[in-house]
Amino acid sequence: MPHRISATRAARSFAEILNRVKYRGESFIVERNREPMCRIEPVRRRRPLTTDNFAEFWKSLPRPDDKFADDLEEIHNLFRKLPPAAWER
């Protein structure tokens, strides 16, 4: 649950807030006149991309069905039947 703080407090103790975000993983909602204005929270780090990560990701993707292949063939056939460009006539 994020801490709710005023914009004035956030401005006066910004370095402390950043340290709490970085080292404790805390989140803050900054309010002005009790209206939420922004959120300060830790950045989610991405894992470095390795061949193992990529293989795992690839396996998790949904496989196209036969309808997908049929759609691709239909699109290919549509482009094959295009009239010649005006400058080619």
N, C-alpha and C. Protein backbone atom coordinates (compact mmCIF):
# COMPACT_ATOMS: atom_id res chain seq x y z
N MET A 1 0.85 -1.18 0.00
CA MET A 1 0.00 0.00 0.00
C MET A 1 0.89 1.24 0.00
N PRO A 2 0.74 2.12 -0.99
CA PRO A 2 1.59 3.31 -1.04
C PRO A 2 1.26 4.30 0.08
N HIS A 3 2.31 4.99 0.51
CA HIS A 3 2.14 6.06 1.50
C HIS A 3 1.58 7.28 0.78
N ARG A 4 0.69 8.00 1.42
CA ARG A 4 0.14 9.24 0.86
C ARG A 4 0.83 10.40 1.55
N ILE A 5 1.43 11.29 0.75
CA ILE A 5 2.14 12.44 1.32
C ILE A 5 1.75 13.69 0.54
N SER A 6 1.89 14.84 1.19
CA SER A 6 1.58 16.11 0.52
C SER A 6 2.72 16.49 -0.41
N ALA A 7 2.41 17.31 -1.40
CA ALA A 7 3.44 17.78 -2.33
C ALA A 7 4.50 18.59 -1.58
N THR A 8 4.09 19.33 -0.56
CA THR A 8 5.04 20.12 0.23
C THR A 8 6.03 19.21 0.93
N ARG A 9 5.52 18.16 1.57
CA ARG A 9 6.41 17.22 2.26
C ARG A 9 7.32 16.51 1.26
N ALA A 10 6.76 16.16 0.10
CA ALA A 10 7.58 15.49 -0.91
C ALA A 10 8.73 16.39 -1.37
N ALA A 11 8.44 17.66 -1.55
CA ALA A 11 9.48 18.60 -1.98
C ALA A 11 10.54 18.79 -0.91
N ARG A 12 10.12 18.85 0.34
CA ARG A 12 11.06 19.10 1.44
C ARG A 12 11.92 17.89 1.78
N SER A 13 11.41 16.70 1.50
CA SER A 13 12.16 15.49 1.89
C SER A 13 12.34 14.55 0.70
N PHE A 14 12.61 15.14 -0.48
CA PHE A 14 12.70 14.35 -1.69
C PHE A 14 13.82 13.32 -1.63
N ALA A 15 14.98 13.70 -1.12
CA ALA A 15 16.10 12.76 -1.03
C ALA A 15 15.75 11.57 -0.13
N GLU A 16 15.09 11.85 1.00
CA GLU A 16 14.68 10.77 1.90
C GLU A 16 13.69 9.84 1.22
N ILE A 17 12.74 10.42 0.48
CA ILE A 17 11.74 9.61 -0.22
C ILE A 17 12.41 8.72 -1.26
N LEU A 18 13.35 9.28 -2.03
CA LEU A 18 14.05 8.47 -3.02
C LEU A 18 14.82 7.33 -2.37
N ASN A 19 15.43 7.58 -1.22
CA ASN A 19 16.14 6.51 -0.51
C ASN A 19 15.18 5.42 -0.04
N ARG A 20 14.03 5.81 0.46
CA ARG A 20 13.05 4.82 0.90
C ARG A 20 12.53 3.99 -0.28
N VAL A 21 12.37 4.64 -1.43
CA VAL A 21 11.94 3.92 -2.63
C VAL A 21 13.02 2.93 -3.06
N LYS A 22 14.25 3.40 -3.09
CA LYS A 22 15.35 2.56 -3.59
C LYS A 22 15.68 1.41 -2.63
N TYR A 23 15.85 1.73 -1.35
CA TYR A 23 16.37 0.73 -0.42
C TYR A 23 15.28 -0.09 0.28
N ARG A 24 14.08 0.44 0.40
CA ARG A 24 13.01 -0.29 1.08
C ARG A 24 11.90 -0.75 0.13
N GLY A 25 11.95 -0.25 -1.11
CA GLY A 25 10.92 -0.62 -2.07
C GLY A 25 9.57 0.01 -1.81
N GLU A 26 9.54 1.10 -1.06
CA GLU A 26 8.28 1.77 -0.72
C GLU A 26 7.75 2.58 -1.89
N SER A 27 6.46 2.82 -1.89
CA SER A 27 5.80 3.64 -2.91
C SER A 27 5.09 4.80 -2.23
N PHE A 28 4.96 5.91 -2.95
CA PHE A 28 4.32 7.10 -2.42
C PHE A 28 3.35 7.67 -3.44
N ILE A 29 2.21 8.15 -2.96
CA ILE A 29 1.29 8.93 -3.78
C ILE A 29 1.38 10.36 -3.28
N VAL A 30 1.75 11.26 -4.18
CA VAL A 30 1.91 12.67 -3.82
C VAL A 30 0.59 13.38 -4.11
N GLU A 31 0.11 14.11 -3.08
CA GLU A 31 -1.17 14.78 -3.18
C GLU A 31 -1.01 16.29 -3.10
N ARG A 32 -1.87 17.00 -3.80
CA ARG A 32 -1.97 18.44 -3.66
C ARG A 32 -3.43 18.73 -3.34
N ASN A 33 -3.66 19.40 -2.23
CA ASN A 33 -5.03 19.65 -1.75
C ASN A 33 -5.82 18.35 -1.63
N ARG A 34 -5.15 17.33 -1.13
CA ARG A 34 -5.72 15.98 -0.91
C ARG A 34 -6.16 15.29 -2.20
N GLU A 35 -5.73 15.80 -3.32
CA GLU A 35 -6.02 15.16 -4.61
C GLU A 35 -4.74 14.49 -5.12
N PRO A 36 -4.80 13.20 -5.43
CA PRO A 36 -3.59 12.50 -5.91
C PRO A 36 -3.08 13.14 -7.20
N MET A 37 -1.78 13.41 -7.24
CA MET A 37 -1.16 14.04 -8.41
C MET A 37 -0.20 13.10 -9.14
N CYS A 38 0.57 12.31 -8.37
CA CYS A 38 1.52 11.40 -9.01
C CYS A 38 1.89 10.30 -8.03
N ARG A 39 2.60 9.32 -8.56
CA ARG A 39 3.06 8.20 -7.75
C ARG A 39 4.57 8.10 -7.92
N ILE A 40 5.25 7.86 -6.83
CA ILE A 40 6.70 7.60 -6.84
C ILE A 40 6.88 6.18 -6.37
N GLU A 41 7.47 5.35 -7.22
CA GLU A 41 7.61 3.94 -6.88
C GLU A 41 8.87 3.36 -7.53
N PRO A 42 9.33 2.22 -7.04
CA PRO A 42 10.52 1.61 -7.62
C PRO A 42 10.27 1.20 -9.08
N VAL A 43 11.31 1.30 -9.86
CA VAL A 43 11.24 0.85 -11.25
C VAL A 43 11.39 -0.66 -11.25
N ARG A 44 10.55 -1.32 -12.02
CA ARG A 44 10.67 -2.77 -12.14
C ARG A 44 11.80 -3.08 -13.10
N ARG A 45 12.76 -3.80 -12.61
CA ARG A 45 13.93 -4.15 -13.43
C ARG A 45 13.60 -5.33 -14.32
N ARG A 46 14.03 -5.26 -15.54
CA ARG A 46 13.86 -6.38 -16.45
C ARG A 46 15.06 -7.30 -16.34
N ARG A 47 14.77 -8.59 -16.55
CA ARG A 47 15.88 -9.54 -16.56
C ARG A 47 16.69 -9.33 -17.84
N PRO A 48 18.00 -9.51 -17.77
CA PRO A 48 18.79 -9.41 -18.99
C PRO A 48 18.37 -10.51 -19.97
N LEU A 49 18.35 -10.19 -21.24
CA LEU A 49 17.93 -11.16 -22.25
C LEU A 49 19.06 -12.12 -22.55
N THR A 50 18.81 -13.38 -22.30
CA THR A 50 19.77 -14.43 -22.62
C THR A 50 19.09 -15.41 -23.56
N THR A 51 19.85 -16.31 -24.12
CA THR A 51 19.25 -17.30 -25.02
C THR A 51 18.25 -18.17 -24.26
N ASP A 52 18.55 -18.48 -23.01
CA ASP A 52 17.61 -19.27 -22.21
C ASP A 52 16.31 -18.50 -21.97
N ASN A 53 16.43 -17.20 -21.63
CA ASN A 53 15.23 -16.38 -21.42
C ASN A 53 14.42 -16.29 -22.70
N PHE A 54 15.12 -16.11 -23.83
CA PHE A 54 14.42 -15.99 -25.10
C PHE A 54 13.72 -17.29 -25.45
N ALA A 55 14.37 -18.42 -25.23
CA ALA A 55 13.76 -19.72 -25.52
C ALA A 55 12.52 -19.92 -24.66
N GLU A 56 12.61 -19.53 -23.40
CA GLU A 56 11.46 -19.64 -22.49
C GLU A 56 10.31 -18.77 -22.96
N PHE A 57 10.64 -17.54 -23.36
CA PHE A 57 9.63 -16.62 -23.88
C PHE A 57 8.99 -17.17 -25.15
N TRP A 58 9.81 -17.68 -26.06
CA TRP A 58 9.32 -18.21 -27.33
C TRP A 58 8.33 -19.36 -27.10
N LYS A 59 8.65 -20.24 -26.15
CA LYS A 59 7.77 -21.37 -25.86
C LYS A 59 6.44 -20.92 -25.25
N SER A 60 6.45 -19.76 -24.60
CA SER A 60 5.22 -19.29 -23.94
C SER A 60 4.26 -18.60 -24.90
N LEU A 61 4.72 -18.27 -26.11
CA LEU A 61 3.85 -17.59 -27.06
C LEU A 61 2.78 -18.52 -27.59
N PRO A 62 1.59 -17.99 -27.86
CA PRO A 62 0.55 -18.86 -28.42
C PRO A 62 0.91 -19.26 -29.85
N ARG A 63 0.56 -20.45 -30.21
CA ARG A 63 0.84 -20.96 -31.54
C ARG A 63 -0.27 -20.55 -32.50
N PRO A 64 0.10 -20.11 -33.72
CA PRO A 64 -0.95 -19.77 -34.68
C PRO A 64 -1.72 -21.01 -35.11
N ASP A 65 -2.99 -20.84 -35.35
CA ASP A 65 -3.81 -21.96 -35.79
C ASP A 65 -3.85 -22.00 -37.33
N ASP A 66 -4.56 -22.96 -37.87
CA ASP A 66 -4.64 -23.10 -39.33
C ASP A 66 -5.31 -21.89 -39.97
N LYS A 67 -6.23 -21.27 -39.26
CA LYS A 67 -6.92 -20.09 -39.80
C LYS A 67 -5.92 -18.97 -40.07
N PHE A 68 -4.92 -18.84 -39.22
CA PHE A 68 -3.89 -17.81 -39.41
C PHE A 68 -3.15 -18.05 -40.72
N ALA A 69 -2.75 -19.28 -40.99
CA ALA A 69 -2.05 -19.60 -42.23
C ALA A 69 -2.96 -19.34 -43.43
N ASP A 70 -4.24 -19.67 -43.31
CA ASP A 70 -5.19 -19.41 -44.40
C ASP A 70 -5.32 -17.91 -44.67
N ASP A 71 -5.35 -17.10 -43.58
CA ASP A 71 -5.43 -15.65 -43.73
C ASP A 71 -4.20 -15.10 -44.45
N LEU A 72 -3.03 -15.60 -44.08
CA LEU A 72 -1.80 -15.15 -44.73
C LEU A 72 -1.81 -15.49 -46.22
N GLU A 73 -2.26 -16.68 -46.57
CA GLU A 73 -2.32 -17.08 -47.96
C GLU A 73 -3.32 -16.20 -48.73
N GLU A 74 -4.44 -15.88 -48.12
CA GLU A 74 -5.43 -15.02 -48.76
C GLU A 74 -4.86 -13.63 -49.03
N ILE A 75 -4.16 -13.09 -48.06
CA ILE A 75 -3.52 -11.77 -48.23
C ILE A 75 -2.50 -11.82 -49.35
N HIS A 76 -1.70 -12.87 -49.36
CA HIS A 76 -0.69 -13.03 -50.40
C HIS A 76 -1.35 -13.06 -51.78
N ASN A 77 -2.45 -13.79 -51.92
CA ASN A 77 -3.14 -13.89 -53.19
C ASN A 77 -3.76 -12.55 -53.60
N LEU A 78 -4.24 -11.77 -52.64
CA LEU A 78 -4.79 -10.46 -52.96
C LEU A 78 -3.74 -9.55 -53.58
N PHE A 79 -2.54 -9.57 -53.03
CA PHE A 79 -1.47 -8.72 -53.55
C PHE A 79 -0.97 -9.21 -54.90
N ARG A 80 -1.10 -10.47 -55.16
CA ARG A 80 -0.68 -11.02 -56.43
C ARG A 80 -1.57 -10.51 -57.56
N LYS A 81 -2.83 -10.18 -57.26
CA LYS A 81 -3.81 -9.77 -58.27
C LYS A 81 -3.92 -8.26 -58.43
N LEU A 82 -3.04 -7.50 -57.83
CA LEU A 82 -3.12 -6.04 -57.94
C LEU A 82 -2.87 -5.62 -59.39
N PRO A 83 -3.56 -4.59 -59.86
CA PRO A 83 -3.31 -4.10 -61.21
C PRO A 83 -1.93 -3.44 -61.28
N PRO A 84 -1.35 -3.39 -62.46
CA PRO A 84 -0.04 -2.73 -62.57
C PRO A 84 -0.15 -1.25 -62.25
N ALA A 85 0.92 -0.70 -61.73
CA ALA A 85 0.95 0.73 -61.41
C ALA A 85 0.83 1.55 -62.68
N ALA A 86 0.32 2.76 -62.56
CA ALA A 86 0.09 3.64 -63.72
C ALA A 86 1.38 3.90 -64.49
N TRP A 87 2.49 4.02 -63.81
CA TRP A 87 3.75 4.31 -64.50
C TRP A 87 4.34 3.07 -65.18
N GLU A 88 3.78 1.91 -64.94
CA GLU A 88 4.28 0.69 -65.56
C GLU A 88 3.51 0.35 -66.84
N ARG A 89 2.46 1.05 -67.14
CA ARG A 89 1.62 0.73 -68.31
C ARG A 89 2.25 1.17 -69.59
